[in-house]
Amino acid sequence: MTDVIKVVIADSEEVFVQGLEKILTEHPQIQVVSRCHKSEEIVQEGRRIHPDVLLVEDELTGEETASFVKSVTEDCPETKIAILKRQGEINDGFSGLKAGARAYLSKNISPEDLVKSIELISSGRIIISPVFAQQFTDSLNTRTMMEEHPSGEEVTQREREVATMIAHGKTNREIATELYISENTVKMHVKNTLGKLELKNRQQLSVYAVLHEWIRQEDKPHL
Protein backbone atom coordinates (compact mmCIF):
# COMPACT_ATOMS: atom_id res chain seq x y z
CA MET A 1 0.00 0.00 0.00
CA THR A 2 1.32 3.44 -0.95
CA ASP A 3 2.10 5.74 1.98
CA VAL A 4 -0.23 8.69 2.43
CA ILE A 5 1.34 12.02 1.44
CA LYS A 6 0.93 14.55 4.26
CA VAL A 7 0.38 18.08 2.93
CA VAL A 8 0.33 21.50 4.58
CA ILE A 9 -1.33 24.35 2.66
CA ALA A 10 -0.10 27.87 3.40
CA ASP A 11 -1.93 30.72 1.68
CA SER A 12 -3.32 34.08 2.76
CA GLU A 13 -6.64 33.52 0.97
CA GLU A 14 -9.04 31.32 2.96
CA VAL A 15 -11.27 30.60 -0.04
CA PHE A 16 -8.28 29.40 -2.06
CA VAL A 17 -7.11 27.17 0.78
CA GLN A 18 -10.57 25.66 1.12
CA GLY A 19 -10.64 24.97 -2.61
CA LEU A 20 -7.27 23.20 -2.55
CA GLU A 21 -8.25 21.17 0.49
CA LYS A 22 -11.49 20.06 -1.16
CA ILE A 23 -9.59 18.92 -4.26
CA LEU A 24 -6.92 17.06 -2.31
CA THR A 25 -9.23 15.34 0.17
CA GLU A 26 -10.89 13.57 -2.75
CA HIS A 27 -7.69 11.58 -3.21
CA PRO A 28 -7.05 8.91 -0.56
CA GLN A 29 -3.28 8.99 -1.10
CA ILE A 30 -3.12 12.65 -0.02
CA GLN A 31 -3.97 14.02 3.42
CA VAL A 32 -4.16 17.73 4.24
CA VAL A 33 -2.82 17.83 7.79
CA SER A 34 -2.79 21.59 8.39
CA ARG A 35 -3.61 25.00 6.93
CA CYS A 36 -1.66 28.22 7.52
CA HIS A 37 -2.53 31.82 6.68
CA LYS A 38 0.49 33.62 8.14
CA SER A 39 4.18 33.15 7.43
CA GLU A 40 5.08 32.74 11.10
CA GLU A 41 2.72 29.77 11.37
CA ILE A 42 4.46 27.80 8.62
CA VAL A 43 7.68 26.89 10.43
CA GLN A 44 5.75 26.15 13.62
CA GLU A 45 3.47 23.72 11.81
CA GLY A 46 6.41 22.22 9.96
CA ARG A 47 8.18 21.44 13.22
CA ARG A 48 5.01 20.02 14.73
CA ILE A 49 3.82 17.90 11.80
CA HIS A 50 6.84 17.30 9.54
CA PRO A 51 4.71 17.15 6.37
CA ASP A 52 5.84 15.48 3.17
CA VAL A 53 4.85 18.47 1.03
CA LEU A 54 4.36 22.15 1.85
CA LEU A 55 2.30 24.16 -0.64
CA VAL A 56 3.08 27.81 0.12
CA GLU A 57 1.92 31.01 -1.54
CA ASP A 58 4.89 33.07 -2.74
CA GLU A 59 3.61 36.18 -0.94
CA LEU A 60 3.90 34.36 2.38
CA THR A 61 7.59 33.67 1.79
CA GLY A 62 8.43 37.37 2.20
CA GLU A 63 10.85 39.39 0.09
CA GLU A 64 13.51 36.68 0.08
CA THR A 65 12.07 33.39 -1.14
CA ALA A 66 15.43 31.65 -0.87
CA SER A 67 15.84 32.66 2.78
CA PHE A 68 12.37 31.38 3.59
CA VAL A 69 13.02 28.05 1.89
CA LYS A 70 16.34 27.63 3.69
CA SER A 71 14.69 28.39 7.02
CA VAL A 72 11.99 25.76 6.50
CA THR A 73 14.33 23.09 5.15
CA GLU A 74 16.74 23.55 8.05
CA ASP A 75 13.94 22.79 10.51
CA CYS A 76 12.12 20.27 8.31
CA PRO A 77 14.67 18.70 5.93
CA GLU A 78 12.28 15.93 4.89
CA THR A 79 9.60 18.39 3.71
CA LYS A 80 9.37 19.15 -0.02
CA ILE A 81 8.41 22.78 -0.70
CA ALA A 82 6.25 23.92 -3.63
CA ILE A 83 5.89 27.66 -4.27
CA LEU A 84 2.38 28.69 -5.38
CA LYS A 85 2.26 31.77 -7.59
CA ARG A 86 -0.25 33.65 -9.69
CA GLN A 87 0.46 33.83 -13.39
CA GLY A 88 3.08 36.47 -14.08
CA GLU A 89 6.78 37.12 -13.84
CA ILE A 90 8.96 35.13 -11.45
CA ASN A 91 10.75 38.04 -9.80
CA ASP A 92 13.03 35.92 -7.63
CA GLY A 93 14.75 34.23 -10.58
CA PHE A 94 13.63 30.83 -9.27
CA SER A 95 15.97 31.33 -6.31
CA GLY A 96 13.69 29.07 -4.28
CA LEU A 97 14.83 26.09 -6.36
CA LYS A 98 18.47 26.76 -5.61
CA ALA A 99 17.64 27.01 -1.91
CA GLY A 100 15.91 23.63 -1.93
CA ALA A 101 12.30 24.11 -3.08
CA ARG A 102 11.00 21.42 -5.43
CA ALA A 103 8.42 23.31 -7.47
CA TYR A 104 6.93 26.53 -8.78
CA LEU A 105 3.24 25.91 -9.39
CA SER A 106 0.64 28.22 -10.90
CA LYS A 107 -2.33 29.00 -8.65
CA ASN A 108 -4.44 28.33 -11.75
CA ILE A 109 -3.22 24.74 -11.93
CA SER A 110 -5.87 22.15 -12.78
CA PRO A 111 -6.98 19.71 -10.05
CA GLU A 112 -5.51 16.78 -11.99
CA ASP A 113 -2.13 18.47 -12.43
CA LEU A 114 -2.10 19.56 -8.79
CA VAL A 115 -2.50 15.99 -7.58
CA LYS A 116 0.07 14.73 -10.07
CA SER A 117 2.49 17.47 -9.01
CA ILE A 118 2.18 16.62 -5.32
CA GLU A 119 2.87 12.95 -6.05
CA LEU A 120 5.95 13.82 -8.11
CA ILE A 121 7.21 16.43 -5.64
CA SER A 122 6.88 14.01 -2.74
CA SER A 123 9.09 11.56 -4.65
CA GLY A 124 11.75 14.24 -5.14
CA ARG A 125 11.00 15.51 -8.64
CA ILE A 126 11.38 19.16 -9.60
CA ILE A 127 8.19 20.56 -11.15
CA ILE A 128 7.65 23.82 -13.03
CA SER A 129 4.13 24.72 -14.20
CA PRO A 130 3.97 25.25 -17.99
CA VAL A 131 3.01 28.91 -17.57
CA PHE A 132 6.44 29.50 -16.03
CA ALA A 133 8.35 27.18 -18.36
CA GLN A 134 9.65 29.85 -20.75
CA GLN A 135 10.84 32.03 -17.89
CA PHE A 136 12.61 29.01 -16.44
CA THR A 137 14.32 28.29 -19.77
CA ASP A 138 15.28 31.94 -20.25
CA SER A 139 16.85 32.01 -16.81
CA LEU A 140 19.17 29.06 -17.44
CA ASN A 141 22.01 31.20 -18.73
CA THR A 142 21.70 33.91 -16.09
CA ARG A 143 21.02 31.97 -12.88
CA THR A 144 23.54 32.56 -10.11
CA MET A 145 24.10 28.82 -9.77
CA MET A 146 25.44 28.83 -13.32
CA GLU A 147 27.93 31.53 -12.34
CA GLU A 148 28.85 30.54 -8.80
CA HIS A 149 29.63 26.86 -9.28
CA PRO A 150 32.10 24.93 -11.47
CA SER A 151 31.06 23.89 -14.97
CA GLY A 152 31.05 20.20 -14.14
CA GLU A 153 33.83 19.22 -16.51
CA GLU A 154 35.51 17.17 -13.77
CA VAL A 155 32.34 15.17 -13.07
CA THR A 156 32.57 11.64 -14.47
CA GLN A 157 29.91 10.08 -16.67
CA ARG A 158 28.83 7.79 -13.84
CA GLU A 159 28.60 10.69 -11.38
CA ARG A 160 26.52 12.63 -13.88
CA GLU A 161 24.28 9.61 -14.35
CA VAL A 162 23.72 9.35 -10.59
CA ALA A 163 23.02 13.09 -10.35
CA THR A 164 20.45 12.84 -13.13
CA MET A 165 18.68 10.01 -11.34
CA ILE A 166 18.63 12.08 -8.14
CA ALA A 167 17.01 14.91 -10.11
CA HIS A 168 14.32 12.40 -11.08
CA GLY A 169 13.63 11.76 -7.41
CA LYS A 170 15.24 8.34 -7.06
CA THR A 171 16.61 7.18 -3.71
CA ASN A 172 20.11 5.78 -3.21
CA ARG A 173 18.66 2.27 -3.04
CA GLU A 174 16.73 2.72 -6.30
CA ILE A 175 19.82 4.12 -8.03
CA ALA A 176 21.96 1.26 -6.75
CA THR A 177 19.46 -1.32 -7.99
CA GLU A 178 19.13 0.27 -11.42
CA LEU A 179 22.88 0.69 -11.93
CA TYR A 180 23.84 -2.66 -10.33
CA ILE A 181 26.11 -1.02 -7.76
CA SER A 182 26.04 -0.83 -3.96
CA GLU A 183 24.35 1.94 -1.98
CA ASN A 184 27.74 2.86 -0.54
CA THR A 185 29.05 3.38 -4.06
CA VAL A 186 26.09 5.63 -4.82
CA LYS A 187 26.79 7.65 -1.67
CA MET A 188 30.44 7.95 -2.70
CA HIS A 189 29.45 9.25 -6.15
CA VAL A 190 27.09 11.79 -4.59
CA LYS A 191 29.71 12.97 -2.09
CA ASN A 192 32.36 13.31 -4.81
CA THR A 193 30.01 15.20 -7.12
CA LEU A 194 28.90 17.61 -4.41
CA GLY A 195 32.54 18.32 -3.64
CA LYS A 196 33.51 18.89 -7.27
CA LEU A 197 30.57 21.23 -7.86
CA GLU A 198 30.81 22.98 -4.48
CA LEU A 199 27.20 22.11 -3.67
CA LYS A 200 25.72 21.42 -0.24
CA ASN A 201 23.05 18.79 -0.75
CA ARG A 202 21.04 16.57 -3.12
CA GLN A 203 18.46 19.29 -3.73
CA GLN A 204 21.08 21.68 -5.05
CA LEU A 205 22.53 18.85 -7.12
CA SER A 206 19.10 18.21 -8.65
CA VAL A 207 18.75 21.86 -9.62
CA TYR A 208 22.30 21.92 -10.99
CA ALA A 209 21.52 18.91 -13.19
CA VAL A 210 18.48 20.71 -14.59
CA LEU A 211 20.21 24.06 -15.12
CA HIS A 212 23.16 22.47 -16.92
CA GLU A 213 20.82 20.39 -19.08
CA TRP A 214 22.10 17.01 -17.93
CA ILE A 215 18.48 15.88 -18.23
CA ARG A 216 17.08 15.08 -21.65
CA GLN A 217 14.66 17.62 -23.11
CA GLU A 218 11.70 15.24 -22.84
CA ASP A 219 12.48 14.70 -19.16
CA LYS A 220 12.73 18.39 -18.22
CA PRO A 221 10.74 19.19 -15.06
CA HIS A 222 7.62 20.68 -16.65
CA LEU A 223 4.12 19.28 -16.35
Foldseek 3Di string as FASTA:
>chain_A
DAAAFEEEEEAQDPVLVVVLQVLQVVDPSYDDPYYHNALVVVLVVCLVPLGLEYEYEPVRCPPAVLVSLLVNCVNRVNYAYEYEYAQDDDVNLPSNLLSQHQEYHYSPDDSVVVVVVSVQRSLQERAYEPSCVVVNVVSLVPDVLCVVWDLCPPQDPVLLVLLQVNNSSDDLVRVCVVVVHDSVVSVVSPVVSCVRGVHDDSSNSSVSCLSSVSDDPVPRRYD
